[in-house]
Amino acid sequence: MKKNIHPEYKKISAICSCGYTIPVFSTKKKDMLLDLCSQCHPFYTGKQRSMNKKGRIQRFQKRFNLSEI
């Protein structure tokens, strides 16, 4: 390998929106911000969240002048 052409590989933190911090090695210069991690993702925690889809469907039907099917 050639010297002095590769980016510096250093330890940074991946910070989740829930506050959990994961130390990782990367060539990035700043900490990474995550939306989900294994501490708050429903698949790993076993807590399923249901979304209110009825309002979204009604908005779609209203936007395109569709009657309920």
PDB file of N, CA and C in Angstrom:
ATOM      1  N   MET A   1       0.832  -1.180   0.000  1.00  0.00           N
ATOM      2  CA  MET A   1       0.000   0.000   0.000  1.00  0.00           C
ATOM      3  C   MET A   1       0.878   1.246   0.000  1.00  0.00           C
ATOM      4  N   LYS A   2       0.408   2.255  -0.693  1.00  0.00           N
ATOM      5  CA  LYS A   2       1.124   3.518  -0.703  1.00  0.00           C
ATOM      6  C   LYS A   2       0.894   4.241   0.612  1.00  0.00           C
ATOM      7  N   LYS A   3       1.893   4.945   1.051  1.00  0.00           N
ATOM      8  CA  LYS A   3       1.788   5.687   2.298  1.00  0.00           C
ATOM      9  C   LYS A   3       1.170   7.053   2.050  1.00  0.00           C
ATOM     10  N   ASN A   4       0.481   7.550   3.070  1.00  0.00           N
ATOM     11  CA  ASN A   4      -0.086   8.898   3.101  1.00  0.00           C
ATOM     12  C   ASN A   4      -1.182   9.158   2.068  1.00  0.00           C
ATOM     13  N   ILE A   5      -1.854   8.128   1.550  1.00  0.00           N
ATOM     14  CA  ILE A   5      -2.970   8.366   0.631  1.00  0.00           C
ATOM     15  C   ILE A   5      -4.290   7.859   1.203  1.00  0.00           C
ATOM     16  N   HIS A   6      -4.248   7.099   2.275  1.00  0.00           N
ATOM     17  CA  HIS A   6      -5.451   6.511   2.845  1.00  0.00           C
ATOM     18  C   HIS A   6      -6.010   7.403   3.950  1.00  0.00           C
ATOM     19  N   PRO A   7      -7.340   7.479   4.058  1.00  0.00           N
ATOM     20  CA  PRO A   7      -7.921   8.309   5.117  1.00  0.00           C
ATOM     21  C   PRO A   7      -7.615   7.733   6.499  1.00  0.00           C
ATOM     22  N   GLU A   8      -7.595   8.607   7.471  1.00  0.00           N
ATOM     23  CA  GLU A   8      -7.297   8.200   8.843  1.00  0.00           C
ATOM     24  C   GLU A   8      -8.469   7.405   9.416  1.00  0.00           C
ATOM     25  N   TYR A   9      -8.182   6.277  10.005  1.00  0.00           N
ATOM     26  CA  TYR A   9      -9.172   5.373  10.581  1.00  0.00           C
ATOM     27  C   TYR A   9      -9.168   5.593  12.082  1.00  0.00           C
ATOM     28  N   LYS A  10     -10.270   6.131  12.628  1.00  0.00           N
ATOM     29  CA  LYS A  10     -10.277   6.456  14.049  1.00  0.00           C
ATOM     30  C   LYS A  10     -11.596   6.068  14.703  1.00  0.00           C
ATOM     31  N   LYS A  11     -11.625   6.153  16.022  1.00  0.00           N
ATOM     32  CA  LYS A  11     -12.801   5.781  16.801  1.00  0.00           C
ATOM     33  C   LYS A  11     -13.732   6.986  16.938  1.00  0.00           C
ATOM     34  N   ILE A  12     -15.019   6.797  16.567  1.00  0.00           N
ATOM     35  CA  ILE A  12     -16.039   7.826  16.732  1.00  0.00           C
ATOM     36  C   ILE A  12     -17.232   7.190  17.437  1.00  0.00           C
ATOM     37  N   SER A  13     -18.252   7.982  17.688  1.00  0.00           N
ATOM     38  CA  SER A  13     -19.456   7.478  18.344  1.00  0.00           C
ATOM     39  C   SER A  13     -20.636   7.551  17.393  1.00  0.00           C
ATOM     40  N   ALA A  14     -21.467   6.515  17.423  1.00  0.00           N
ATOM     41  CA  ALA A  14     -22.744   6.520  16.720  1.00  0.00           C
ATOM     42  C   ALA A  14     -23.799   6.768  17.788  1.00  0.00           C
ATOM     43  N   ILE A  15     -24.469   7.911  17.716  1.00  0.00           N
ATOM     44  CA  ILE A  15     -25.408   8.324  18.749  1.00  0.00           C
ATOM     45  C   ILE A  15     -26.831   8.166  18.230  1.00  0.00           C
ATOM     46  N   CYS A  16     -27.619   7.371  18.938  1.00  0.00           N
ATOM     47  CA  CYS A  16     -29.005   7.114  18.548  1.00  0.00           C
ATOM     48  C   CYS A  16     -29.911   8.217  19.097  1.00  0.00           C
ATOM     49  N   SER A  17     -31.094   8.348  18.496  1.00  0.00           N
ATOM     50  CA  SER A  17     -32.054   9.346  18.962  1.00  0.00           C
ATOM     51  C   SER A  17     -32.581   9.017  20.354  1.00  0.00           C
ATOM     52  N   CYS A  18     -32.469   7.755  20.785  1.00  0.00           N
ATOM     53  CA  CYS A  18     -32.905   7.374  22.135  1.00  0.00           C
ATOM     54  C   CYS A  18     -31.841   7.698  23.176  1.00  0.00           C
ATOM     55  N   GLY A  19     -30.636   8.091  22.745  1.00  0.00           N
ATOM     56  CA  GLY A  19     -29.572   8.459  23.666  1.00  0.00           C
ATOM     57  C   GLY A  19     -28.476   7.416  23.802  1.00  0.00           C
ATOM     58  N   TYR A  20     -28.677   6.243  23.248  1.00  0.00           N
ATOM     59  CA  TYR A  20     -27.688   5.169  23.335  1.00  0.00           C
ATOM     60  C   TYR A  20     -26.497   5.499  22.434  1.00  0.00           C
ATOM     61  N   THR A  21     -25.293   5.320  22.934  1.00  0.00           N
ATOM     62  CA  THR A  21     -24.072   5.620  22.190  1.00  0.00           C
ATOM     63  C   THR A  21     -23.310   4.336  21.904  1.00  0.00           C
ATOM     64  N   ILE A  22     -22.913   4.158  20.638  1.00  0.00           N
ATOM     65  CA  ILE A  22     -22.185   2.972  20.203  1.00  0.00           C
ATOM     66  C   ILE A  22     -20.820   3.419  19.688  1.00  0.00           C
ATOM     67  N   PRO A  23     -19.734   2.933  20.285  1.00  0.00           N
ATOM     68  CA  PRO A  23     -18.406   3.282  19.756  1.00  0.00           C
ATOM     69  C   PRO A  23     -18.108   2.463  18.496  1.00  0.00           C
ATOM     70  N   VAL A  24     -17.682   3.134  17.435  1.00  0.00           N
ATOM     71  CA  VAL A  24     -17.362   2.471  16.166  1.00  0.00           C
ATOM     72  C   VAL A  24     -16.070   3.056  15.605  1.00  0.00           C
ATOM     73  N   PHE A  25     -15.449   2.330  14.705  1.00  0.00           N
ATOM     74  CA  PHE A  25     -14.274   2.821  13.990  1.00  0.00           C
ATOM     75  C   PHE A  25     -14.703   3.219  12.589  1.00  0.00           C
ATOM     76  N   SER A  26     -14.245   4.374  12.134  1.00  0.00           N
ATOM     77  CA  SER A  26     -14.665   4.881  10.838  1.00  0.00           C
ATOM     78  C   SER A  26     -13.640   5.877  10.304  1.00  0.00           C
ATOM     79  N   THR A  27     -13.789   6.209   9.025  1.00  0.00           N
ATOM     80  CA  THR A  27     -12.965   7.253   8.421  1.00  0.00           C
ATOM     81  C   THR A  27     -13.675   8.602   8.471  1.00  0.00           C
ATOM     82  N   LYS A  28     -14.908   8.630   8.993  1.00  0.00           N
ATOM     83  CA  LYS A  28     -15.632   9.890   9.154  1.00  0.00           C
ATOM     84  C   LYS A  28     -14.972  10.723  10.241  1.00  0.00           C
ATOM     85  N   LYS A  29     -15.118  12.027  10.141  1.00  0.00           N
ATOM     86  CA  LYS A  29     -14.478  12.911  11.109  1.00  0.00           C
ATOM     87  C   LYS A  29     -15.393  13.268  12.273  1.00  0.00           C
ATOM     88  N   LYS A  30     -16.710  13.164  12.069  1.00  0.00           N
ATOM     89  CA  LYS A  30     -17.670  13.542  13.103  1.00  0.00           C
ATOM     90  C   LYS A  30     -18.442  12.318  13.582  1.00  0.00           C
ATOM     91  N   ASP A  31     -19.096  12.476  14.722  1.00  0.00           N
ATOM     92  CA  ASP A  31     -19.962  11.421  15.233  1.00  0.00           C
ATOM     93  C   ASP A  31     -21.153  11.238  14.302  1.00  0.00           C
ATOM     94  N   MET A  32     -21.656  10.000  14.219  1.00  0.00           N
ATOM     95  CA  MET A  32     -22.810   9.689  13.383  1.00  0.00           C
ATOM     96  C   MET A  32     -24.074   9.769  14.224  1.00  0.00           C
ATOM     97  N   LEU A  33     -25.163  10.247  13.641  1.00  0.00           N
ATOM     98  CA  LEU A  33     -26.453  10.291  14.317  1.00  0.00           C
ATOM     99  C   LEU A  33     -27.349   9.219  13.707  1.00  0.00           C
ATOM    100  N   LEU A  34     -27.936   8.389  14.558  1.00  0.00           N
ATOM    101  CA  LEU A  34     -28.787   7.291  14.117  1.00  0.00           C
ATOM    102  C   LEU A  34     -30.237   7.558  14.495  1.00  0.00           C
ATOM    103  N   ASP A  35     -31.167   7.083  13.668  1.00  0.00           N
ATOM    104  CA  ASP A  35     -32.585   7.171  14.002  1.00  0.00           C
ATOM    105  C   ASP A  35     -32.989   6.039  14.933  1.00  0.00           C
ATOM    106  N   LEU A  36     -32.502   4.836  14.652  1.00  0.00           N
ATOM    107  CA  LEU A  36     -32.845   3.650  15.438  1.00  0.00           C
ATOM    108  C   LEU A  36     -31.597   2.839  15.730  1.00  0.00           C
ATOM    109  N   CYS A  37     -31.630   2.116  16.836  1.00  0.00           N
ATOM    110  CA  CYS A  37     -30.537   1.209  17.180  1.00  0.00           C
ATOM    111  C   CYS A  37     -31.141  -0.059  17.777  1.00  0.00           C
ATOM    112  N   SER A  38     -30.307  -0.970  18.200  1.00  0.00           N
ATOM    113  CA  SER A  38     -30.808  -2.229  18.754  1.00  0.00           C
ATOM    114  C   SER A  38     -31.473  -2.034  20.114  1.00  0.00           C
ATOM    115  N   GLN A  39     -31.267  -0.894  20.750  1.00  0.00           N
ATOM    116  CA  GLN A  39     -31.882  -0.625  22.049  1.00  0.00           C
ATOM    117  C   GLN A  39     -33.306  -0.090  21.929  1.00  0.00           C
ATOM    118  N   CYS A  40     -33.659   0.488  20.771  1.00  0.00           N
ATOM    119  CA  CYS A  40     -34.990   1.087  20.638  1.00  0.00           C
ATOM    120  C   CYS A  40     -35.781   0.573  19.433  1.00  0.00           C
ATOM    121  N   HIS A  41     -35.195  -0.247  18.573  1.00  0.00           N
ATOM    122  CA  HIS A  41     -35.909  -0.764  17.407  1.00  0.00           C
ATOM    123  C   HIS A  41     -36.935  -1.804  17.851  1.00  0.00           C
ATOM    124  N   PRO A  42     -38.177  -1.725  17.350  1.00  0.00           N
ATOM    125  CA  PRO A  42     -39.227  -2.657  17.776  1.00  0.00           C
ATOM    126  C   PRO A  42     -38.883  -4.127  17.542  1.00  0.00           C
ATOM    127  N   PHE A  43     -38.115  -4.446  16.533  1.00  0.00           N
ATOM    128  CA  PHE A  43     -37.761  -5.843  16.272  1.00  0.00           C
ATOM    129  C   PHE A  43     -36.927  -6.413  17.416  1.00  0.00           C
ATOM    130  N   TYR A  44     -35.996  -5.628  17.924  1.00  0.00           N
ATOM    131  CA  TYR A  44     -35.107  -6.100  18.989  1.00  0.00           C
ATOM    132  C   TYR A  44     -35.730  -5.982  20.378  1.00  0.00           C
ATOM    133  N   THR A  45     -36.587  -4.987  20.586  1.00  0.00           N
ATOM    134  CA  THR A  45     -37.175  -4.785  21.907  1.00  0.00           C
ATOM    135  C   THR A  45     -38.422  -5.621  22.124  1.00  0.00           C
ATOM    136  N   GLY A  46     -39.074  -6.055  21.043  1.00  0.00           N
ATOM    137  CA  GLY A  46     -40.303  -6.836  21.161  1.00  0.00           C
ATOM    138  C   GLY A  46     -41.542  -5.978  21.340  1.00  0.00           C
ATOM    139  N   LYS A  47     -41.383  -4.670  21.348  1.00  0.00           N
ATOM    140  CA  LYS A  47     -42.514  -3.760  21.493  1.00  0.00           C
ATOM    141  C   LYS A  47     -42.921  -3.275  20.111  1.00  0.00           C
ATOM    142  N   GLN A  48     -44.056  -3.720  19.654  1.00  0.00           N
ATOM    143  CA  GLN A  48     -44.539  -3.318  18.343  1.00  0.00           C
ATOM    144  C   GLN A  48     -45.376  -2.053  18.477  1.00  0.00           C
ATOM    145  N   ARG A  49     -45.182  -1.129  17.562  1.00  0.00           N
ATOM    146  CA  ARG A  49     -45.975   0.091  17.529  1.00  0.00           C
ATOM    147  C   ARG A  49     -46.899   0.014  16.325  1.00  0.00           C
ATOM    148  N   SER A  50     -48.156   0.323  16.531  1.00  0.00           N
ATOM    149  CA  SER A  50     -49.083   0.329  15.406  1.00  0.00           C
ATOM    150  C   SER A  50     -49.257   1.767  14.933  1.00  0.00           C
ATOM    151  N   MET A  51     -49.275   1.917  13.636  1.00  0.00           N
ATOM    152  CA  MET A  51     -49.436   3.238  13.055  1.00  0.00           C
ATOM    153  C   MET A  51     -50.906   3.472  12.749  1.00  0.00           C
ATOM    154  N   ASN A  52     -51.330   4.695  12.836  1.00  0.00           N
ATOM    155  CA  ASN A  52     -52.694   5.054  12.496  1.00  0.00           C
ATOM    156  C   ASN A  52     -52.775   5.205  10.983  1.00  0.00           C
ATOM    157  N   LYS A  53     -53.131   4.137  10.301  1.00  0.00           N
ATOM    158  CA  LYS A  53     -53.160   4.151   8.842  1.00  0.00           C
ATOM    159  C   LYS A  53     -54.473   4.687   8.301  1.00  0.00           C
ATOM    160  N   LYS A  54     -55.508   4.685   9.128  1.00  0.00           N
ATOM    161  CA  LYS A  54     -56.808   5.117   8.647  1.00  0.00           C
ATOM    162  C   LYS A  54     -56.766   6.566   8.170  1.00  0.00           C
ATOM    163  N   GLY A  55     -56.127   7.439   8.900  1.00  0.00           N
ATOM    164  CA  GLY A  55     -56.037   8.837   8.506  1.00  0.00           C
ATOM    165  C   GLY A  55     -55.257   9.029   7.219  1.00  0.00           C
ATOM    166  N   ARG A  56     -54.229   8.234   7.027  1.00  0.00           N
ATOM    167  CA  ARG A  56     -53.423   8.336   5.808  1.00  0.00           C
ATOM    168  C   ARG A  56     -54.231   7.886   4.595  1.00  0.00           C
ATOM    169  N   ILE A  57     -55.009   6.830   4.764  1.00  0.00           N
ATOM    170  CA  ILE A  57     -55.828   6.317   3.658  1.00  0.00           C
ATOM    171  C   ILE A  57     -56.898   7.332   3.293  1.00  0.00           C
ATOM    172  N   GLN A  58     -57.534   7.926   4.295  1.00  0.00           N
ATOM    173  CA  GLN A  58     -58.568   8.920   4.029  1.00  0.00           C
ATOM    174  C   GLN A  58     -57.996  10.147   3.323  1.00  0.00           C
ATOM    175  N   ARG A  59     -56.807  10.574   3.698  1.00  0.00           N
ATOM    176  CA  ARG A  59     -56.168  11.708   3.007  1.00  0.00           C
ATOM    177  C   ARG A  59     -55.890  11.372   1.550  1.00  0.00           C
ATOM    178  N   PHE A  60     -55.433  10.139   1.292  1.00  0.00           N
ATOM    179  CA  PHE A  60     -55.159   9.713  -0.078  1.00  0.00           C
ATOM    180  C   PHE A  60     -56.442   9.712  -0.896  1.00  0.00           C
ATOM    181  N   GLN A  61     -57.507   9.152  -0.334  1.00  0.00           N
ATOM    182  CA  GLN A  61     -58.781   9.092  -1.051  1.00  0.00           C
ATOM    183  C   GLN A  61     -59.332  10.488  -1.302  1.00  0.00           C
ATOM    184  N   LYS A  62     -59.197  11.378  -0.336  1.00  0.00           N
ATOM    185  CA  LYS A  62     -59.679  12.745  -0.499  1.00  0.00           C
ATOM    186  C   LYS A  62     -58.876  13.475  -1.575  1.00  0.00           C
ATOM    187  N   ARG A  63     -57.577  13.258  -1.606  1.00  0.00           N
ATOM    188  CA  ARG A  63     -56.709  13.926  -2.564  1.00  0.00           C
ATOM    189  C   ARG A  63     -57.053  13.540  -4.001  1.00  0.00           C
ATOM    190  N   PHE A  64     -57.391  12.283  -4.225  1.00  0.00           N
ATOM    191  CA  PHE A  64     -57.669  11.806  -5.576  1.00  0.00           C
ATOM    192  C   PHE A  64     -59.153  11.575  -5.832  1.00  0.00           C
ATOM    193  N   ASN A  65     -60.006  12.126  -4.976  1.00  0.00           N
ATOM    194  CA  ASN A  65     -61.459  12.029  -5.120  1.00  0.00           C
ATOM    195  C   ASN A  65     -61.927  10.591  -5.308  1.00  0.00           C
ATOM    196  N   LEU A  66     -61.454   9.706  -4.464  1.00  0.00           N
ATOM    197  CA  LEU A  66     -61.842   8.304  -4.516  1.00  0.00           C
ATOM    198  C   LEU A  66     -62.861   8.021  -3.424  1.00  0.00           C
ATOM    199  N   SER A  67     -63.829   7.165  -3.742  1.00  0.00           N
ATOM    200  CA  SER A  67     -64.763   6.735  -2.703  1.00  0.00           C
ATOM    201  C   SER A  67     -64.174   5.522  -2.007  1.00  0.00           C
ATOM    202  N   GLU A  68     -64.662   5.238  -0.811  1.00  0.00           N
ATOM    203  CA  GLU A  68     -64.136   4.097  -0.074  1.00  0.00           C
ATOM    204  C   GLU A  68     -64.452   2.808  -0.803  1.00  0.00           C
ATOM    205  N   ILE A  69     -63.489   1.933  -0.807  1.00  0.00           N
ATOM    206  CA  ILE A  69     -63.622   0.660  -1.519  1.00  0.00           C
ATOM    207  C   ILE A  69     -64.100  -0.399  -0.564  1.00  0.00           C
TER     208      ILE A  69
END
